[in-house]
N, C-alpha and C. Protein backbone atom coordinates (compact mmCIF):
# COMPACT_ATOMS: atom_id res chain seq x y z
N UNK A 1 16.45 -13.94 -7.53
CA UNK A 1 15.51 -12.93 -7.09
C UNK A 1 15.50 -12.91 -5.56
N UNK A 2 15.75 -11.73 -4.97
CA UNK A 2 15.82 -11.68 -3.51
C UNK A 2 14.47 -11.33 -2.88
N UNK A 3 14.39 -11.54 -1.60
CA UNK A 3 13.12 -11.35 -0.87
C UNK A 3 12.70 -9.89 -0.89
N UNK A 4 13.63 -8.96 -0.79
CA UNK A 4 13.28 -7.54 -0.79
C UNK A 4 12.58 -7.15 -2.09
N UNK A 5 13.07 -7.63 -3.21
CA UNK A 5 12.46 -7.33 -4.51
C UNK A 5 11.04 -7.89 -4.57
N UNK A 6 10.87 -9.13 -4.13
CA UNK A 6 9.54 -9.77 -4.14
C UNK A 6 8.58 -9.01 -3.23
N UNK A 7 9.07 -8.56 -2.07
CA UNK A 7 8.23 -7.79 -1.14
C UNK A 7 7.80 -6.47 -1.77
N UNK A 8 8.73 -5.79 -2.45
CA UNK A 8 8.38 -4.54 -3.13
C UNK A 8 7.32 -4.76 -4.20
N UNK A 9 7.46 -5.82 -4.97
CA UNK A 9 6.46 -6.13 -6.00
C UNK A 9 5.12 -6.46 -5.34
N UNK A 10 5.15 -7.24 -4.26
CA UNK A 10 3.92 -7.60 -3.55
C UNK A 10 3.20 -6.35 -3.04
N UNK A 11 3.93 -5.42 -2.44
CA UNK A 11 3.32 -4.19 -1.91
C UNK A 11 2.72 -3.37 -3.06
N UNK A 12 3.47 -3.22 -4.13
CA UNK A 12 3.00 -2.43 -5.27
C UNK A 12 1.73 -3.03 -5.88
N UNK A 13 1.74 -4.34 -6.12
CA UNK A 13 0.57 -5.01 -6.70
C UNK A 13 -0.62 -4.94 -5.75
N UNK A 14 -0.39 -5.11 -4.45
CA UNK A 14 -1.47 -5.03 -3.47
C UNK A 14 -2.12 -3.65 -3.47
N UNK A 15 -1.29 -2.61 -3.51
CA UNK A 15 -1.82 -1.24 -3.54
C UNK A 15 -2.63 -1.01 -4.80
N UNK A 16 -2.14 -1.50 -5.95
CA UNK A 16 -2.89 -1.35 -7.19
C UNK A 16 -4.24 -2.07 -7.13
N UNK A 17 -4.25 -3.28 -6.62
CA UNK A 17 -5.49 -4.06 -6.54
C UNK A 17 -6.48 -3.41 -5.57
N UNK A 18 -6.01 -3.05 -4.37
CA UNK A 18 -6.90 -2.43 -3.38
C UNK A 18 -7.38 -1.07 -3.87
N UNK A 19 -6.47 -0.28 -4.44
CA UNK A 19 -6.87 1.02 -4.98
C UNK A 19 -7.86 0.89 -6.13
N UNK A 20 -7.62 -0.06 -7.03
CA UNK A 20 -8.54 -0.29 -8.14
C UNK A 20 -9.91 -0.72 -7.66
N UNK A 21 -9.93 -1.63 -6.69
CA UNK A 21 -11.22 -2.07 -6.14
C UNK A 21 -11.95 -0.90 -5.48
N UNK A 22 -11.23 -0.07 -4.73
CA UNK A 22 -11.86 1.04 -4.02
C UNK A 22 -12.44 2.04 -5.01
N UNK A 23 -11.73 2.31 -6.10
CA UNK A 23 -12.26 3.22 -7.14
C UNK A 23 -13.51 2.62 -7.77
N UNK A 24 -13.46 1.31 -8.07
CA UNK A 24 -14.63 0.65 -8.64
C UNK A 24 -15.81 0.71 -7.66
N UNK A 25 -15.56 0.45 -6.39
CA UNK A 25 -16.62 0.47 -5.37
C UNK A 25 -17.21 1.87 -5.25
N UNK A 26 -16.37 2.88 -5.34
CA UNK A 26 -16.83 4.28 -5.26
C UNK A 26 -17.71 4.63 -6.46
N UNK A 27 -17.29 4.20 -7.66
CA UNK A 27 -18.07 4.49 -8.87
C UNK A 27 -19.39 3.70 -8.85
N UNK A 28 -19.32 2.44 -8.46
CA UNK A 28 -20.49 1.58 -8.50
C UNK A 28 -21.47 1.83 -7.36
N UNK A 29 -20.97 2.17 -6.17
CA UNK A 29 -21.87 2.27 -5.02
C UNK A 29 -21.76 3.55 -4.23
N UNK A 30 -21.01 4.52 -4.68
CA UNK A 30 -20.84 5.75 -3.93
C UNK A 30 -19.86 5.57 -2.78
N UNK A 31 -19.74 6.58 -1.95
CA UNK A 31 -18.75 6.52 -0.88
C UNK A 31 -19.06 5.45 0.16
N UNK A 32 -20.33 5.05 0.27
CA UNK A 32 -20.70 4.03 1.25
C UNK A 32 -20.08 2.67 0.94
N UNK A 33 -19.65 2.46 -0.29
CA UNK A 33 -19.07 1.18 -0.67
C UNK A 33 -17.56 1.13 -0.61
N UNK A 34 -16.92 2.24 -0.24
CA UNK A 34 -15.46 2.26 -0.24
C UNK A 34 -14.89 1.59 1.00
N UNK A 35 -13.65 1.17 0.88
CA UNK A 35 -12.97 0.50 1.99
C UNK A 35 -12.87 1.43 3.20
N UNK A 36 -12.49 2.68 2.95
CA UNK A 36 -12.33 3.61 4.08
C UNK A 36 -13.65 3.85 4.80
N UNK A 37 -14.76 3.94 4.07
CA UNK A 37 -16.05 4.15 4.71
C UNK A 37 -16.46 2.94 5.54
N UNK A 38 -16.23 1.75 5.01
CA UNK A 38 -16.57 0.52 5.75
C UNK A 38 -15.75 0.43 7.04
N UNK A 39 -14.45 0.71 6.95
CA UNK A 39 -13.59 0.65 8.14
C UNK A 39 -14.01 1.70 9.15
N UNK A 40 -14.27 2.93 8.67
CA UNK A 40 -14.65 4.00 9.58
C UNK A 40 -15.98 3.71 10.27
N UNK A 41 -16.98 3.29 9.52
CA UNK A 41 -18.28 3.03 10.15
C UNK A 41 -18.23 1.80 11.05
N UNK A 42 -17.43 0.81 10.71
CA UNK A 42 -17.28 -0.37 11.58
C UNK A 42 -16.55 -0.01 12.87
N UNK A 43 -15.64 0.96 12.80
CA UNK A 43 -14.86 1.35 13.98
C UNK A 43 -15.73 2.01 15.05
N UNK A 44 -16.83 2.62 14.65
CA UNK A 44 -17.73 3.22 15.65
C UNK A 44 -18.33 2.15 16.54
N UNK A 45 -18.68 1.00 15.95
CA UNK A 45 -19.27 -0.09 16.73
C UNK A 45 -18.22 -1.00 17.37
N UNK A 46 -17.05 -1.06 16.76
CA UNK A 46 -15.99 -1.94 17.24
C UNK A 46 -14.67 -1.15 17.29
N UNK A 47 -14.42 -0.39 18.36
CA UNK A 47 -13.25 0.48 18.43
C UNK A 47 -11.91 -0.25 18.29
N UNK A 48 -11.88 -1.54 18.55
CA UNK A 48 -10.62 -2.28 18.42
C UNK A 48 -10.12 -2.29 16.97
N UNK A 49 -11.01 -2.08 16.01
CA UNK A 49 -10.58 -1.99 14.61
C UNK A 49 -9.63 -0.81 14.45
N UNK A 50 -9.97 0.33 15.05
CA UNK A 50 -9.11 1.51 14.97
C UNK A 50 -7.79 1.27 15.71
N UNK A 51 -7.87 0.61 16.86
CA UNK A 51 -6.65 0.32 17.63
C UNK A 51 -5.73 -0.60 16.84
N UNK A 52 -6.29 -1.66 16.28
CA UNK A 52 -5.47 -2.60 15.51
C UNK A 52 -4.88 -1.90 14.28
N UNK A 53 -5.68 -1.06 13.62
CA UNK A 53 -5.16 -0.30 12.48
C UNK A 53 -4.02 0.61 12.88
N UNK A 54 -4.14 1.27 14.03
CA UNK A 54 -3.07 2.14 14.52
C UNK A 54 -1.80 1.37 14.84
N UNK A 55 -1.96 0.20 15.45
CA UNK A 55 -0.79 -0.63 15.76
C UNK A 55 -0.12 -1.09 14.47
N UNK A 56 -0.92 -1.49 13.48
CA UNK A 56 -0.37 -1.95 12.21
C UNK A 56 0.38 -0.83 11.50
N UNK A 57 -0.21 0.33 11.41
CA UNK A 57 0.45 1.45 10.75
C UNK A 57 1.67 1.91 11.53
N UNK A 58 1.58 1.94 12.86
CA UNK A 58 2.72 2.30 13.68
C UNK A 58 3.88 1.33 13.50
N UNK A 59 3.55 0.07 13.27
CA UNK A 59 4.57 -0.95 13.04
C UNK A 59 5.41 -0.63 11.81
N UNK A 60 4.79 -0.04 10.79
CA UNK A 60 5.53 0.28 9.56
C UNK A 60 6.61 1.32 9.80
N UNK A 61 6.42 2.24 10.74
CA UNK A 61 7.40 3.29 10.99
C UNK A 61 8.12 3.15 12.33
N UNK A 62 8.04 1.99 12.94
CA UNK A 62 8.76 1.74 14.19
C UNK A 62 10.25 1.78 13.90
N UNK A 63 11.04 2.13 14.88
CA UNK A 63 12.49 2.18 14.69
C UNK A 63 13.03 0.82 14.28
N UNK A 64 13.85 0.87 13.25
CA UNK A 64 14.52 -0.34 12.78
C UNK A 64 16.00 -0.05 12.70
N UNK A 65 16.78 -1.10 12.63
CA UNK A 65 18.23 -0.91 12.51
C UNK A 65 18.53 -0.21 11.20
N UNK A 66 19.33 0.81 11.26
CA UNK A 66 19.74 1.55 10.07
C UNK A 66 20.93 0.81 9.45
N UNK A 67 20.82 0.38 8.19
CA UNK A 67 21.91 -0.40 7.60
C UNK A 67 23.19 0.41 7.37
N UNK A 68 23.09 1.73 7.27
CA UNK A 68 24.26 2.57 7.00
C UNK A 68 24.70 3.40 8.20
N UNK A 69 24.15 3.10 9.38
CA UNK A 69 24.44 3.90 10.57
C UNK A 69 24.90 2.99 11.70
N UNK A 70 25.41 3.59 12.75
CA UNK A 70 25.64 2.82 13.97
C UNK A 70 24.43 3.02 14.86
N UNK A 71 23.73 1.96 15.17
CA UNK A 71 22.50 2.05 15.95
C UNK A 71 21.29 2.06 15.05
N UNK A 72 20.17 2.62 15.55
CA UNK A 72 18.96 2.64 14.73
C UNK A 72 18.77 4.02 14.09
N UNK A 73 17.95 4.07 13.07
CA UNK A 73 17.78 5.28 12.28
C UNK A 73 17.24 6.44 13.10
N UNK A 74 16.28 6.18 13.99
CA UNK A 74 15.69 7.24 14.79
C UNK A 74 16.68 7.90 15.73
N UNK A 75 17.57 7.10 16.33
CA UNK A 75 18.56 7.63 17.24
C UNK A 75 19.53 8.56 16.51
N UNK A 76 19.98 8.16 15.33
CA UNK A 76 20.93 8.97 14.59
C UNK A 76 20.32 10.26 14.07
N UNK A 77 19.04 10.27 13.76
CA UNK A 77 18.40 11.49 13.32
C UNK A 77 18.25 12.47 14.47
N UNK A 78 17.98 11.96 15.68
CA UNK A 78 17.75 12.86 16.80
C UNK A 78 19.04 13.22 17.54
N UNK A 79 20.16 12.56 17.20
CA UNK A 79 21.42 12.82 17.89
C UNK A 79 21.87 14.26 17.66
N UNK A 80 21.75 14.73 16.43
CA UNK A 80 22.09 16.10 16.09
C UNK A 80 20.87 16.74 15.46
N UNK A 81 20.87 18.05 15.41
CA UNK A 81 19.74 18.74 14.81
C UNK A 81 19.92 18.79 13.30
N UNK A 82 19.48 17.76 12.61
CA UNK A 82 19.57 17.69 11.16
C UNK A 82 18.22 17.29 10.61
N UNK A 83 17.94 17.75 9.38
CA UNK A 83 16.73 17.24 8.75
C UNK A 83 17.05 15.95 8.02
N UNK A 84 16.07 15.39 7.34
CA UNK A 84 16.23 14.09 6.70
C UNK A 84 17.33 14.10 5.64
N UNK A 85 17.55 15.24 4.99
CA UNK A 85 18.57 15.31 3.93
C UNK A 85 19.99 15.29 4.51
N UNK A 86 20.13 15.46 5.82
CA UNK A 86 21.45 15.45 6.44
C UNK A 86 22.05 16.83 6.63
N UNK A 87 21.35 17.86 6.17
CA UNK A 87 21.83 19.23 6.33
C UNK A 87 21.55 19.72 7.74
N UNK A 88 22.44 20.48 8.34
CA UNK A 88 22.16 21.04 9.67
C UNK A 88 20.93 21.95 9.62
N UNK A 89 20.15 21.93 10.68
CA UNK A 89 18.92 22.73 10.72
C UNK A 89 19.23 24.19 10.96
């Protein structure tokens, strides 16, 4: 079993658990009990929560080495005017 497979399973299970909890919190306590409401209301008093969240989410889509390209994925997409499917725009 390779690390990529384990990571995919971890992400999938985490999303299911967090999503399930959030649905339960919404049903049991209304929108005030949801994860998004807690994060949003906490961010008003502590803006660094929003900054850290932005850095974390930005990290997920930061340029990484493209395994099938020369260079990184972002550079190869912007080199020519092509959409994600590879067709000329």
